[in-house]
């Protein structure tokens, strides 16, 4: 037959369950604190990406200088024509337009 549950028994069972849920919430809170402590902010990422972009532009300018020097050498040795020189120097990313 069915066993009747008293209010005290039911209250005890519910308290036990709620205590278990409370400890789980404590664990979740501590994990969130760890995540917050190690997570980077959008401002930090923006700064780092801007720094990286600046570094890449500097490297590209150095390479562009080397290519320009190589073009001068090839032009001086008459390996490439004046038209080829202008065409190459007009290319991106750092186009040199002669006036």
N, C-alpha and C. Protein backbone atom coordinates (compact mmCIF):
# COMPACT_ATOMS: atom_id res chain seq x y z
N UNK A 1 0.81 -1.17 0.00
CA UNK A 1 0.00 0.00 0.00
C UNK A 1 0.87 1.25 0.00
N UNK A 2 0.20 2.35 -0.25
CA UNK A 2 0.92 3.61 -0.32
C UNK A 2 1.36 4.06 1.05
N UNK A 3 2.55 4.56 1.08
CA UNK A 3 3.10 5.07 2.33
C UNK A 3 2.84 6.57 2.37
N UNK A 4 2.32 7.05 3.46
CA UNK A 4 2.02 8.48 3.59
C UNK A 4 3.27 9.20 4.09
N UNK A 5 3.52 10.34 3.47
CA UNK A 5 4.67 11.16 3.85
C UNK A 5 4.16 12.31 4.70
N UNK A 6 4.80 12.47 5.83
CA UNK A 6 4.40 13.57 6.71
C UNK A 6 5.02 14.87 6.23
N UNK A 7 4.51 15.94 6.73
CA UNK A 7 5.02 17.26 6.36
C UNK A 7 6.47 17.40 6.81
N UNK A 8 6.80 16.87 7.98
CA UNK A 8 8.17 16.96 8.49
C UNK A 8 9.13 16.18 7.59
N UNK A 9 8.70 15.01 7.14
CA UNK A 9 9.55 14.21 6.26
C UNK A 9 9.75 14.93 4.93
N UNK A 10 8.68 15.47 4.39
CA UNK A 10 8.76 16.21 3.14
C UNK A 10 9.65 17.44 3.29
N UNK A 11 9.52 18.15 4.40
CA UNK A 11 10.35 19.33 4.65
C UNK A 11 11.82 18.92 4.74
N UNK A 12 12.11 17.81 5.37
CA UNK A 12 13.49 17.32 5.48
C UNK A 12 14.06 16.97 4.12
N UNK A 13 13.24 16.31 3.29
CA UNK A 13 13.70 15.94 1.95
C UNK A 13 13.97 17.20 1.10
N UNK A 14 13.11 18.18 1.21
CA UNK A 14 13.28 19.40 0.43
C UNK A 14 14.51 20.18 0.90
N UNK A 15 14.73 20.21 2.22
CA UNK A 15 15.90 20.91 2.74
C UNK A 15 17.18 20.27 2.23
N UNK A 16 17.20 18.95 2.22
CA UNK A 16 18.38 18.22 1.74
C UNK A 16 18.65 18.57 0.27
N UNK A 17 17.61 18.61 -0.54
CA UNK A 17 17.76 18.95 -1.96
C UNK A 17 18.23 20.39 -2.14
N UNK A 18 17.63 21.31 -1.39
CA UNK A 18 18.03 22.71 -1.50
C UNK A 18 19.46 22.93 -1.02
N UNK A 19 19.90 22.20 -0.01
CA UNK A 19 21.28 22.30 0.44
C UNK A 19 22.23 21.85 -0.67
N UNK A 20 21.85 20.80 -1.38
CA UNK A 20 22.67 20.32 -2.50
C UNK A 20 22.75 21.35 -3.62
N UNK A 21 21.62 22.00 -3.88
CA UNK A 21 21.61 23.03 -4.92
C UNK A 21 22.47 24.22 -4.49
N UNK A 22 22.44 24.56 -3.22
CA UNK A 22 23.25 25.67 -2.72
C UNK A 22 24.74 25.42 -2.93
N UNK A 23 25.18 24.20 -2.67
CA UNK A 23 26.61 23.90 -2.85
C UNK A 23 26.97 23.93 -4.34
N UNK A 24 26.04 23.53 -5.19
CA UNK A 24 26.31 23.60 -6.63
C UNK A 24 26.43 25.05 -7.09
N UNK A 25 25.58 25.93 -6.53
CA UNK A 25 25.68 27.35 -6.86
C UNK A 25 27.01 27.92 -6.39
N UNK A 26 27.48 27.49 -5.23
CA UNK A 26 28.78 27.94 -4.74
C UNK A 26 29.89 27.54 -5.71
N UNK A 27 29.82 26.32 -6.22
CA UNK A 27 30.82 25.86 -7.18
C UNK A 27 30.77 26.69 -8.46
N UNK A 28 29.57 26.97 -8.93
CA UNK A 28 29.42 27.78 -10.14
C UNK A 28 29.98 29.18 -9.92
N UNK A 29 29.70 29.77 -8.77
CA UNK A 29 30.22 31.10 -8.47
C UNK A 29 31.74 31.12 -8.44
N UNK A 30 32.35 30.10 -7.85
CA UNK A 30 33.81 30.07 -7.80
C UNK A 30 34.40 29.88 -9.20
N UNK A 31 33.74 29.09 -10.05
CA UNK A 31 34.22 28.93 -11.42
C UNK A 31 34.09 30.22 -12.21
N UNK A 32 33.01 30.96 -11.99
CA UNK A 32 32.82 32.24 -12.67
C UNK A 32 33.90 33.23 -12.24
N UNK A 33 34.27 33.23 -10.97
CA UNK A 33 35.33 34.12 -10.50
C UNK A 33 36.65 33.80 -11.19
N UNK A 34 36.94 32.51 -11.36
CA UNK A 34 38.17 32.11 -12.04
C UNK A 34 38.14 32.57 -13.50
N UNK A 35 37.01 32.38 -14.15
CA UNK A 35 36.87 32.80 -15.55
C UNK A 35 37.05 34.31 -15.68
N UNK A 36 36.43 35.06 -14.79
CA UNK A 36 36.55 36.52 -14.83
C UNK A 36 38.00 36.96 -14.61
N UNK A 37 38.70 36.26 -13.74
CA UNK A 37 40.08 36.64 -13.44
C UNK A 37 41.00 36.41 -14.63
N UNK A 38 40.71 35.41 -15.44
CA UNK A 38 41.60 35.09 -16.56
C UNK A 38 41.12 35.64 -17.90
N UNK A 39 39.90 36.14 -17.96
CA UNK A 39 39.34 36.62 -19.22
C UNK A 39 39.89 38.00 -19.55
N UNK A 40 40.22 38.21 -20.84
CA UNK A 40 40.70 39.52 -21.26
C UNK A 40 39.51 40.39 -21.64
N UNK A 41 39.75 41.69 -21.57
CA UNK A 41 38.67 42.63 -21.89
C UNK A 41 38.74 43.01 -23.37
N UNK A 42 37.68 43.60 -23.86
CA UNK A 42 37.63 44.05 -25.25
C UNK A 42 38.67 45.15 -25.47
N UNK A 43 38.84 46.04 -24.51
CA UNK A 43 39.83 47.11 -24.64
C UNK A 43 41.24 46.53 -24.77
N UNK A 44 41.54 45.51 -23.97
CA UNK A 44 42.85 44.86 -24.03
C UNK A 44 43.08 44.27 -25.41
N UNK A 45 42.07 43.56 -25.94
CA UNK A 45 42.20 42.96 -27.27
C UNK A 45 42.35 44.03 -28.34
N UNK A 46 41.59 45.11 -28.23
CA UNK A 46 41.70 46.20 -29.20
C UNK A 46 43.11 46.78 -29.20
N UNK A 47 43.67 47.00 -28.01
CA UNK A 47 45.03 47.53 -27.91
C UNK A 47 46.05 46.58 -28.54
N UNK A 48 45.92 45.30 -28.23
CA UNK A 48 46.87 44.32 -28.77
C UNK A 48 46.76 44.21 -30.28
N UNK A 49 45.53 44.24 -30.81
CA UNK A 49 45.35 44.18 -32.26
C UNK A 49 45.91 45.43 -32.94
N UNK A 50 45.75 46.58 -32.30
CA UNK A 50 46.31 47.81 -32.86
C UNK A 50 47.84 47.75 -32.86
N UNK A 51 48.43 47.22 -31.79
CA UNK A 51 49.89 47.06 -31.74
C UNK A 51 50.36 46.12 -32.85
N UNK A 52 49.65 45.02 -33.02
CA UNK A 52 50.02 44.05 -34.05
C UNK A 52 49.92 44.68 -35.44
N UNK A 53 48.86 45.43 -35.66
CA UNK A 53 48.69 46.09 -36.96
C UNK A 53 49.84 47.06 -37.21
N UNK A 54 50.23 47.81 -36.20
CA UNK A 54 51.35 48.73 -36.34
C UNK A 54 52.64 48.00 -36.66
N UNK A 55 52.88 46.89 -35.97
CA UNK A 55 54.09 46.10 -36.23
C UNK A 55 54.10 45.57 -37.66
N UNK A 56 52.94 45.12 -38.13
CA UNK A 56 52.86 44.60 -39.50
C UNK A 56 53.10 45.69 -40.53
N UNK A 57 52.59 46.89 -40.28
CA UNK A 57 52.82 48.00 -41.21
C UNK A 57 54.31 48.33 -41.27
N UNK A 58 54.98 48.34 -40.13
CA UNK A 58 56.42 48.61 -40.10
C UNK A 58 57.17 47.56 -40.91
N UNK A 59 56.83 46.30 -40.72
CA UNK A 59 57.49 45.23 -41.47
C UNK A 59 57.23 45.36 -42.97
N UNK A 60 56.01 45.69 -43.33
CA UNK A 60 55.68 45.83 -44.75
C UNK A 60 56.42 47.01 -45.37
N UNK A 61 56.58 48.09 -44.61
CA UNK A 61 57.32 49.25 -45.13
C UNK A 61 58.80 48.89 -45.36
N UNK A 62 59.37 48.09 -44.46
CA UNK A 62 60.76 47.66 -44.65
C UNK A 62 60.89 46.82 -45.91
N UNK A 63 59.94 45.90 -46.10
CA UNK A 63 59.96 45.07 -47.31
C UNK A 63 59.75 45.93 -48.55
N UNK A 64 58.88 46.93 -48.46
CA UNK A 64 58.62 47.82 -49.58
C UNK A 64 59.89 48.58 -49.95
N UNK A 65 60.65 48.98 -48.94
CA UNK A 65 61.92 49.67 -49.18
C UNK A 65 62.89 48.75 -49.91
N UNK A 66 62.94 47.50 -49.49
CA UNK A 66 63.83 46.53 -50.15
C UNK A 66 63.41 46.30 -51.59
N UNK A 67 62.13 46.19 -51.83
CA UNK A 67 61.64 45.98 -53.20
C UNK A 67 61.96 47.21 -54.05
N UNK A 68 61.79 48.39 -53.47
CA UNK A 68 62.12 49.62 -54.20
C UNK A 68 63.59 49.66 -54.58
N UNK A 69 64.44 49.27 -53.67
CA UNK A 69 65.88 49.23 -53.94
C UNK A 69 66.20 48.21 -55.03
N UNK A 70 65.56 47.05 -54.96
CA UNK A 70 65.76 46.02 -55.98
C UNK A 70 65.32 46.53 -57.36
N UNK A 71 64.20 47.23 -57.40
CA UNK A 71 63.72 47.79 -58.67
C UNK A 71 64.73 48.79 -59.22
N UNK A 72 65.29 49.63 -58.34
CA UNK A 72 66.31 50.60 -58.78
C UNK A 72 67.52 49.89 -59.38
N UNK A 73 67.97 48.83 -58.73
CA UNK A 73 69.13 48.07 -59.22
C UNK A 73 68.81 47.44 -60.57
N UNK A 74 67.63 46.83 -60.69
CA UNK A 74 67.25 46.19 -61.96
C UNK A 74 67.10 47.23 -63.07
N UNK A 75 66.59 48.39 -62.74
CA UNK A 75 66.44 49.46 -63.74
C UNK A 75 67.80 49.98 -64.17
N UNK A 76 68.69 50.18 -63.20
CA UNK A 76 70.04 50.67 -63.50
C UNK A 76 70.81 49.69 -64.38
N UNK A 77 70.60 48.41 -64.17
CA UNK A 77 71.28 47.38 -64.97
C UNK A 77 70.52 47.06 -66.26
N UNK A 78 69.47 47.80 -66.48
CA UNK A 78 68.64 47.69 -67.67
C UNK A 78 68.04 46.29 -67.85
N UNK A 79 67.65 45.71 -66.71
CA UNK A 79 66.94 44.43 -66.74
C UNK A 79 65.45 44.67 -66.93
N UNK A 80 64.96 45.78 -66.36
CA UNK A 80 63.56 46.14 -66.55
C UNK A 80 63.49 47.55 -67.13
N UNK A 81 62.40 47.82 -67.84
CA UNK A 81 62.24 49.12 -68.50
C UNK A 81 61.68 50.16 -67.53
N UNK A 82 61.67 51.40 -68.01
CA UNK A 82 61.09 52.49 -67.21
C UNK A 82 59.60 52.26 -67.00
N UNK A 83 58.93 51.76 -68.02
CA UNK A 83 57.49 51.48 -67.91
C UNK A 83 57.23 50.39 -66.86
N UNK A 84 58.07 49.35 -66.88
CA UNK A 84 57.93 48.28 -65.87
C UNK A 84 58.16 48.84 -64.47
N UNK A 85 59.15 49.71 -64.35
CA UNK A 85 59.46 50.31 -63.05
C UNK A 85 58.26 51.09 -62.53
N UNK A 86 57.67 51.92 -63.38
CA UNK A 86 56.51 52.71 -62.96
C UNK A 86 55.33 51.81 -62.60
N UNK A 87 55.14 50.77 -63.39
CA UNK A 87 54.02 49.85 -63.14
C UNK A 87 54.18 49.15 -61.79
N UNK A 88 55.39 48.69 -61.51
CA UNK A 88 55.64 47.98 -60.25
C UNK A 88 55.51 48.93 -59.06
N UNK A 89 56.08 50.12 -59.19
CA UNK A 89 56.03 51.08 -58.08
C UNK A 89 54.62 51.62 -57.83
N UNK A 90 53.74 51.53 -58.82
CA UNK A 90 52.37 52.00 -58.64
C UNK A 90 51.48 50.98 -57.93
N UNK A 91 52.02 49.80 -57.68
CA UNK A 91 51.23 48.74 -57.03
C UNK A 91 51.07 49.01 -55.54
N UNK A 92 50.01 48.45 -54.98
CA UNK A 92 49.73 48.54 -53.55
C UNK A 92 50.70 47.66 -52.78
N UNK A 93 50.85 47.76 -51.50
CA UNK A 93 50.10 48.57 -50.56
C UNK A 93 50.65 49.98 -50.41
N UNK A 94 51.90 50.22 -50.81
CA UNK A 94 52.49 51.54 -50.64
C UNK A 94 52.88 52.08 -52.01
N UNK A 95 51.90 52.47 -52.77
CA UNK A 95 52.13 52.92 -54.14
C UNK A 95 52.94 54.21 -54.16
N UNK A 96 53.90 54.24 -55.10
CA UNK A 96 54.69 55.44 -55.32
C UNK A 96 54.29 55.97 -56.68
N UNK A 97 53.59 57.07 -56.68
CA UNK A 97 53.10 57.64 -57.93
C UNK A 97 54.04 58.76 -58.33
N UNK A 98 54.62 58.62 -59.53
CA UNK A 98 55.51 59.68 -60.00
C UNK A 98 54.70 60.79 -60.64
N UNK A 99 55.14 62.00 -60.38
CA UNK A 99 54.41 63.16 -60.89
C UNK A 99 55.14 63.77 -62.05
